Protein backbone atom coordinates (compact mmCIF):
# COMPACT_ATOMS: atom_id res chain seq x y z
CA MET A 1 0.00 0.00 0.00
CA SER A 2 1.53 3.29 -1.09
CA GLU A 3 2.07 6.12 1.38
CA PRO A 4 0.21 9.43 0.86
CA PRO A 5 2.31 12.09 -0.84
CA ALA A 6 4.12 14.43 1.54
CA THR A 7 2.90 18.00 1.82
CA PRO A 8 5.12 20.27 -0.25
CA PRO A 9 7.51 22.36 1.88
CA ARG A 10 6.21 25.57 0.30
CA ARG A 11 2.70 24.74 1.50
CA GLN A 12 3.97 24.13 5.02
CA VAL A 13 5.69 27.53 5.08
CA ALA A 14 2.52 29.22 3.80
CA ASP A 15 0.51 27.58 6.57
CA LEU A 16 2.80 29.18 9.15
CA TRP A 17 1.67 32.64 8.02
CA SER A 18 -2.01 31.86 7.51
CA ASP A 19 -3.06 31.41 11.13
CA GLY A 20 -3.63 34.16 13.70
CA LEU A 21 -0.06 34.26 14.93
CA GLY A 22 1.26 34.35 11.37
CA ARG A 23 -0.97 37.28 10.47
CA ALA A 24 0.14 39.07 13.64
CA GLY A 25 3.76 38.45 12.65
CA THR A 26 3.13 39.85 9.18
CA ARG A 27 1.56 42.99 10.62
CA SER A 28 4.47 43.31 13.06
CA VAL A 29 7.00 43.18 10.26
CA GLN A 30 5.00 45.74 8.31
CA ALA A 31 4.77 48.00 11.38
CA LEU A 32 8.52 47.72 11.93
CA ALA A 33 9.17 48.61 8.29
CA VAL A 34 6.89 51.65 8.48
CA GLY A 35 8.48 52.69 11.79
CA ALA A 36 11.95 52.38 10.27
CA LEU A 37 10.87 54.55 7.34
CA ILE A 38 9.43 57.20 9.66
CA TRP A 39 12.59 57.14 11.79
CA ALA A 40 14.76 57.56 8.69
CA VAL A 41 12.67 60.50 7.48
CA VAL A 42 12.80 62.19 10.89
CA TRP A 43 16.55 61.57 11.11
CA VAL A 44 17.11 63.21 7.72
CA LEU A 45 14.89 66.16 8.58
CA LEU A 46 16.72 66.75 11.86
CA ARG A 47 20.00 66.92 9.92
CA ILE A 48 18.80 69.96 7.94
CA PRO A 49 16.98 72.14 10.49
CA LEU A 50 17.99 75.34 8.68
CA VAL A 51 15.77 74.24 5.79
CA VAL A 52 13.01 72.30 7.54
CA ILE A 53 12.19 74.83 10.26
CA PRO A 54 11.80 77.86 7.92
CA VAL A 55 9.62 75.79 5.59
CA VAL A 56 7.34 74.62 8.41
CA ILE A 57 7.04 78.08 9.98
CA ALA A 58 6.41 79.67 6.57
CA ALA A 59 3.67 77.11 5.83
CA ILE A 60 1.98 77.81 9.18
CA LEU A 61 2.13 81.58 8.69
CA ALA A 62 0.93 81.29 5.10
CA CYS A 63 -2.15 79.39 6.24
CA ALA A 64 -2.88 82.14 8.77
CA ILE A 65 -2.27 85.07 6.40
CA ALA A 66 -3.93 83.60 3.30
CA PRO A 67 -7.46 84.76 4.29
CA LEU A 68 -6.20 88.36 4.31
CA VAL A 69 -4.73 87.88 0.85
CA ARG A 70 -8.01 86.45 -0.43
CA TRP A 71 -9.98 89.30 1.15
CA LEU A 72 -7.80 91.95 -0.47
CA HIS A 73 -7.97 90.19 -3.83
CA ALA A 74 -11.77 89.90 -3.57
CA HIS A 75 -11.94 93.68 -3.03
CA GLY A 76 -10.18 94.46 -6.28
CA TRP A 77 -6.51 94.35 -5.32
CA PRO A 78 -4.21 92.69 -7.85
CA ARG A 79 -3.04 89.34 -6.49
CA ALA A 80 0.64 90.27 -6.45
CA LEU A 81 -0.12 93.54 -4.64
CA ALA A 82 -2.35 91.75 -2.11
CA VAL A 83 0.41 89.24 -1.35
CA LEU A 84 3.09 91.93 -1.11
CA SER A 85 0.94 94.17 1.11
CA SER A 86 0.07 91.34 3.50
CA PHE A 87 3.69 90.25 3.60
CA VAL A 88 4.99 93.77 4.31
CA ALA A 89 2.27 94.33 6.93
CA ILE A 90 3.32 91.24 8.87
CA LEU A 91 6.98 92.23 8.73
CA ALA A 92 6.11 95.77 9.82
CA VAL A 93 4.11 94.51 12.81
CA PHE A 94 6.89 92.21 14.02
CA GLY A 95 9.57 94.82 13.34
CA GLY A 96 7.57 97.49 15.16
CA ILE A 97 7.07 95.27 18.20
CA ILE A 98 10.77 94.45 18.44
CA THR A 99 11.79 98.10 17.94
CA GLY A 100 9.31 99.28 20.56
CA ILE A 101 10.59 96.76 23.09
CA VAL A 102 14.18 97.86 22.52
CA PHE A 103 13.31 101.54 23.01
CA LEU A 104 11.24 100.81 26.13
CA VAL A 105 14.03 98.78 27.70
CA ARG A 106 16.56 101.51 26.95
CA ALA A 107 14.25 104.21 28.33
CA GLN A 108 13.69 102.35 31.60
CA ALA A 109 17.18 100.91 31.98
CA HIS A 110 18.28 103.49 34.60
CA GLU A 111 15.11 103.07 36.67
CA LEU A 112 15.37 99.31 36.43
CA ALA A 113 19.00 99.37 37.60
CA GLU A 114 18.06 101.42 40.67
CA ARG A 115 15.12 99.19 41.50
CA PHE A 116 17.25 96.14 40.91
CA THR A 117 19.78 97.32 43.49
CA ALA A 118 17.07 98.13 46.03
CA GLY A 119 15.30 94.86 45.30
CA LEU A 120 18.48 92.86 45.86
CA GLU A 121 18.85 94.49 49.26
CA GLN A 122 15.25 93.64 50.14
CA LEU A 123 15.75 90.08 48.93
CA HIS A 124 18.96 89.79 50.91
CA SER A 125 17.21 90.97 54.07
CA PHE A 126 14.32 88.57 53.44
CA LEU A 127 16.68 85.63 52.97
CA ASN A 128 18.51 86.48 56.20
CA THR A 129 15.38 86.94 58.32
CA GLY A 130 12.74 84.89 56.48
CA PRO A 131 11.26 81.52 57.41
CA ALA A 132 14.08 79.60 55.71
CA ARG A 133 17.09 81.60 56.81
CA ILE A 134 20.06 81.67 54.47
CA SER A 135 23.34 83.01 55.81
CA ASP A 136 25.59 85.50 54.05
CA GLU A 137 28.18 82.75 53.59
CA GLN A 138 25.70 80.59 51.66
CA ILE A 139 24.68 83.56 49.51
CA ALA A 140 28.35 84.34 48.85
CA GLN A 141 29.05 80.75 47.85
CA ALA A 142 26.14 80.78 45.39
CA ARG A 143 27.35 84.13 43.96
CA ASP A 144 30.89 82.83 43.60
CA SER A 145 29.62 79.71 41.80
CA ILE A 146 27.70 81.84 39.32
CA GLN A 147 30.68 84.13 38.75
CA HIS A 148 32.95 81.13 38.23
CA PHE A 149 30.57 79.74 35.64
CA PHE A 150 30.50 82.98 33.66
CA THR A 151 34.27 83.50 33.89
CA SER A 152 35.30 79.92 33.11
CA GLY A 153 37.24 79.03 29.99
CA SER A 154 34.26 77.26 28.46
CA ILE A 155 32.38 80.53 28.13
CA GLY A 156 34.59 81.56 25.21
CA ALA A 157 33.61 78.46 23.30
CA GLU A 158 29.98 79.02 24.25
CA ALA A 159 30.24 82.58 22.94
CA LEU A 160 31.49 81.29 19.60
CA THR A 161 28.66 78.80 19.52
CA GLY A 162 26.24 81.59 20.37
CA ALA A 163 27.59 83.74 17.54
CA ARG A 164 27.19 80.86 15.11
CA THR A 165 23.67 80.25 16.38
CA ALA A 166 22.83 83.93 15.90
CA GLY A 167 24.04 83.71 12.31
CA GLU A 168 21.94 80.61 11.74
CA ILE A 169 18.88 82.35 13.18
CA VAL A 170 19.33 85.34 10.87
CA THR A 171 19.77 83.02 7.89
CA SER A 172 16.68 81.04 8.86
CA LEU A 173 14.61 84.21 9.22
CA ILE A 174 15.62 85.45 5.77
CA LEU A 175 14.91 82.04 4.23
CA MET A 176 11.59 81.84 6.04
CA ALA A 177 10.56 85.27 4.74
CA VAL A 178 11.38 84.28 1.15
CA ILE A 179 9.53 80.94 1.45
CA LEU A 180 6.53 82.66 3.05
CA PHE A 181 6.28 85.09 0.14
CA PHE A 182 6.25 82.29 -2.42
CA PHE A 183 3.78 80.22 -0.37
CA LEU A 184 1.40 83.19 -0.35
CA LYS A 185 1.95 83.94 -4.02
CA ASP A 186 2.06 80.42 -5.50
CA GLY A 187 0.52 78.21 -2.82
CA ARG A 188 -1.93 76.46 -5.13
CA GLN A 189 0.68 75.79 -7.81
CA ILE A 190 3.11 74.38 -5.23
CA LEU A 191 0.41 72.08 -3.86
CA GLU A 192 -0.53 70.80 -7.30
CA PHE A 193 3.13 70.19 -8.10
CA LEU A 194 3.52 68.06 -4.98
CA LEU A 195 0.31 66.16 -5.71
CA TRP A 196 1.64 65.29 -9.17
CA PHE A 197 3.99 62.74 -7.53
CA MET A 198 1.05 60.80 -6.06
CA PRO A 199 -1.02 58.17 -7.89
CA PRO A 200 -3.99 59.80 -9.65
CA SER A 201 -6.46 57.74 -7.60
CA HIS A 202 -5.17 59.34 -4.37
CA ARG A 203 -4.83 62.95 -5.48
CA ASP A 204 -8.36 64.09 -4.62
CA ARG A 205 -8.16 62.77 -1.07
CA ALA A 206 -4.65 64.19 -0.63
CA ARG A 207 -5.88 67.57 -1.90
CA LEU A 208 -8.77 67.44 0.58
CA ALA A 209 -6.36 66.55 3.40
CA ALA A 210 -4.10 69.47 2.41
CA ASN A 211 -7.03 71.91 2.32
CA ARG A 212 -8.32 70.80 5.71
CA SER A 213 -4.81 70.92 7.16
CA ALA A 214 -4.44 74.47 5.92
CA LEU A 215 -7.70 75.43 7.60
CA VAL A 216 -6.59 73.79 10.84
CA LEU A 217 -3.23 75.58 10.76
CA GLY A 218 -4.82 78.93 10.01
CA GLY A 219 -7.38 78.51 12.77
CA TYR A 220 -4.71 77.35 15.18
CA VAL A 221 -2.48 80.37 14.54
CA ARG A 222 -5.32 82.88 14.77
CA GLY A 223 -6.72 81.23 17.90
CA THR A 224 -3.27 81.13 19.50
CA VAL A 225 -2.74 84.81 18.71
CA MET A 226 -6.02 85.74 20.40
CA VAL A 227 -5.33 83.56 23.46
CA ALA A 228 -1.76 84.86 23.80
CA ALA A 229 -2.95 88.45 23.37
CA ALA A 230 -5.54 87.99 26.12
CA ASP A 231 -2.86 86.58 28.45
CA ALA A 232 -0.53 89.46 27.61
CA VAL A 233 -3.23 92.09 28.24
CA ILE A 234 -4.20 90.61 31.61
CA VAL A 235 -0.62 90.25 32.83
CA GLY A 236 0.47 93.59 31.33
CA ILE A 237 -2.35 95.52 33.01
CA GLY A 238 -1.64 93.79 36.30
CA LEU A 239 2.07 94.60 36.16
CA GLN A 240 1.32 98.21 35.17
CA VAL A 241 -1.09 98.67 38.10
CA LEU A 242 1.47 97.13 40.47
CA GLY A 243 4.17 99.50 39.22
CA VAL A 244 6.49 96.78 37.96
CA PRO A 245 9.08 98.18 35.53
CA LEU A 246 9.13 97.00 31.91
CA ALA A 247 5.46 96.02 32.15
CA LEU A 248 4.90 96.33 28.39
CA PRO A 249 8.00 94.33 27.33
CA LEU A 250 7.11 91.66 29.88
CA ALA A 251 3.57 91.54 28.48
CA VAL A 252 5.03 91.05 25.00
CA PHE A 253 7.20 88.26 26.41
CA VAL A 254 4.06 86.62 27.81
CA PHE A 255 2.43 87.00 24.37
CA ILE A 256 5.36 85.22 22.71
CA GLY A 257 5.29 82.51 25.36
CA GLY A 258 1.62 81.95 24.61
CA PHE A 259 2.57 80.23 21.36
CA ILE A 260 3.75 77.26 23.44
CA PRO A 261 0.46 75.72 24.61
CA ILE A 262 -0.23 74.96 28.27
CA LEU A 263 3.21 75.95 29.59
CA GLY A 264 4.54 78.89 27.57
CA ALA A 265 2.54 81.83 28.91
CA THR A 266 2.82 80.55 32.50
CA LEU A 267 6.60 80.23 32.35
CA ALA A 268 6.87 83.67 30.76
CA GLY A 269 4.66 85.01 33.54
CA PHE A 270 7.03 83.58 36.14
CA VAL A 271 9.78 85.69 34.58
CA ALA A 272 7.59 88.73 35.19
CA VAL A 273 7.09 87.59 38.78
CA GLY A 274 10.87 87.35 39.19
CA ILE A 275 11.30 90.91 37.91
CA ALA A 276 8.60 92.05 40.33
CA LEU A 277 10.35 90.25 43.20
CA ILE A 278 13.67 91.91 42.50
CA SER A 279 12.37 95.39 41.70
CA ASN A 280 9.29 95.74 43.94
CA GLY A 281 9.69 93.23 46.74
CA PRO A 282 7.99 90.00 47.87
CA VAL A 283 4.47 91.44 48.40
CA VAL A 284 4.17 92.85 44.88
CA ALA A 285 5.70 89.65 43.50
CA LEU A 286 3.04 87.60 45.29
CA VAL A 287 0.26 89.73 43.80
CA ALA A 288 1.89 89.43 40.36
CA LEU A 289 1.97 85.65 40.80
CA ILE A 290 -1.77 85.66 41.54
CA VAL A 291 -2.37 87.70 38.37
CA VAL A 292 -0.33 85.23 36.29
CA LEU A 293 -2.15 82.22 37.74
CA ALA A 294 -5.53 83.90 37.16
CA ALA A 295 -4.62 84.57 33.52
CA ASN A 296 -3.53 80.94 33.23
CA GLN A 297 -6.87 79.69 34.54
CA ILE A 298 -8.82 81.98 32.21
CA GLU A 299 -6.77 80.69 29.29
CA HIS A 300 -7.23 76.99 30.07
CA HIS A 301 -10.88 76.98 31.13
CA LEU A 302 -12.39 79.68 28.91
CA LEU A 303 -10.24 80.89 26.02
CA GLN A 304 -8.68 77.62 24.86
CA PRO A 305 -11.97 75.65 24.68
CA LEU A 306 -13.82 78.62 23.16
CA LEU A 307 -11.30 79.65 20.50
CA MET A 308 -9.38 76.47 19.71
CA GLY A 309 -11.33 73.44 20.93
CA ARG A 310 -13.11 72.82 17.61
CA VAL A 311 -10.02 73.61 15.54
CA LEU A 312 -7.63 71.17 17.21
CA SER A 313 -9.93 68.38 18.50
CA ILE A 314 -6.93 66.91 20.31
CA HIS A 315 -6.94 65.74 23.92
CA GLY A 316 -4.79 67.64 26.39
CA LEU A 317 -2.69 64.54 27.10
CA ALA A 318 -1.82 64.27 23.41
CA ILE A 319 -0.78 67.94 23.42
CA LEU A 320 1.47 67.36 26.43
CA LEU A 321 3.10 64.33 24.81
CA ALA A 322 3.57 66.26 21.56
CA LEU A 323 5.18 69.14 23.48
CA ALA A 324 7.52 66.78 25.30
CA SER A 325 8.51 64.99 22.09
CA GLY A 326 9.01 68.22 20.17
CA THR A 327 11.13 69.71 22.94
CA VAL A 328 13.35 66.61 23.10
CA LEU A 329 13.79 66.49 19.32
CA ALA A 330 14.23 70.18 18.49
CA GLY A 331 14.33 72.25 21.68
CA ILE A 332 12.28 75.44 21.87
CA ILE A 333 11.49 75.34 18.15
CA GLY A 334 10.17 71.82 18.59
CA ALA A 335 7.94 73.00 21.42
CA LEU A 336 6.57 75.78 19.20
CA LEU A 337 5.86 73.49 16.25
CA ALA A 338 4.82 70.30 18.05
CA VAL A 339 1.12 71.10 18.43
CA PRO A 340 0.42 72.44 14.91
CA VAL A 341 2.34 69.53 13.36
CA THR A 342 0.37 67.07 15.50
CA ALA A 343 -2.90 68.78 14.56
CA VAL A 344 -2.04 68.50 10.86
CA ALA A 345 -1.04 64.84 11.23
CA TRP A 346 -4.33 64.06 12.98
CA THR A 347 -6.28 65.95 10.30
CA VAL A 348 -4.54 63.98 7.54
CA ILE A 349 -5.22 60.67 9.32
CA LYS A 350 -8.92 61.51 9.79
CA THR A 351 -9.31 62.58 6.18
CA TRP A 352 -7.41 59.62 4.74
CA THR A 353 -9.36 57.08 6.80
CA GLY A 354 -12.70 58.75 6.12
CA ARG A 355 -13.27 59.93 9.69
CA GLY A 356 -13.16 63.54 8.52
CA GLU A 357 -16.11 63.17 6.16
CA SER A 358 -18.66 64.58 8.60
CA ALA A 359 -21.09 67.19 7.46
CA ASP A 360 -19.45 69.93 9.51
CA GLY A 361 -15.97 69.23 8.17
CA PRO A 362 -14.06 71.90 6.28
CA PRO A 363 -15.04 72.08 2.64
CA LEU A 364 -12.72 71.44 -0.22
CA SER A 365 -13.09 74.90 -1.70
CA GLY A 366 -12.20 78.14 0.01
CA SER A 367 -9.25 76.70 1.88
CA SER A 368 -6.07 78.54 2.72
CA TRP A 369 -4.35 76.91 -0.23
CA ASP A 370 -6.72 78.82 -2.50
CA ALA A 371 -4.91 82.06 -1.71
CA SER A 372 -3.34 82.00 -5.13
CA PRO A 373 -5.12 79.59 -7.43
CA ALA A 374 -3.56 78.74 -10.70
CA GLU A 375 -4.48 81.20 -13.33
């Protein structure tokens, strides 16, 4: 009696991948391959920050400014003039703010120096006689440690690094301004050029994802500006009433810090509290701290949900994790860009998987990428 034919080896190997564990292994290999690709892309992007960061910032600003360009063009302005006017207006606003801060600091430098000296004496007396007494010897040791740090030989190398960093910042700002101009002028053409590399069957969904991402970015920037401005007004008025020097520059610093969600405005406010402690004493500093905390609570419980809740649709834990990851990867710039990049990624995922097809989703037409449609 003949024996049944043996199962071919190829069939046996196929059976290994056909059961539940085999399918899980296949998905694991695929996930590892996708993760390796993402890691490689991130690694390459982190090697060229002078290019990547200006491009990302320019794209975010273009999405925020594009409605102004469209409004001017709809009211009869030539497109090139509308783009140029919006571009110059933004530069003028930022330049005016920086110039005003410099002049205010210079005008109040003498008063600040006098208050600083008096505040140090008050702080010294408080440390000697306060609840946690610190002796003059301990204060002197701390001062000597700080002086040693700033007079050590490594400071020269740090100064050279700082000079190089300053040059890189100037270069990035110039590149960002140029990229922003072209994004505003030729945004639609640039988008269509990028979509040309995709399969035709995916272009419509990719275009929809890009349009919705532009709307999310624009809404995020405008909402952040309003929230940061509200924080700056509250803290600035409080510091002005308390008589803290440099109230307006400190308010502007709080406004800038507001672009880092959750933590930025609060940390900037603590700087204002430190200035109040040194220049006006512990009582005024305590009141300033209460003002900063009140502004923080208004931001988190009223302004953020009202102005940005529908735009982002991201849980606070996800924002915190994005901030932490962005800070680890790219420092302060990573903290600034982490949330908008995460919001765009989530928008793309929802659109690509069909979860963004709700009736109240952003429409395809009228998006920020339509600032300069192909003519």
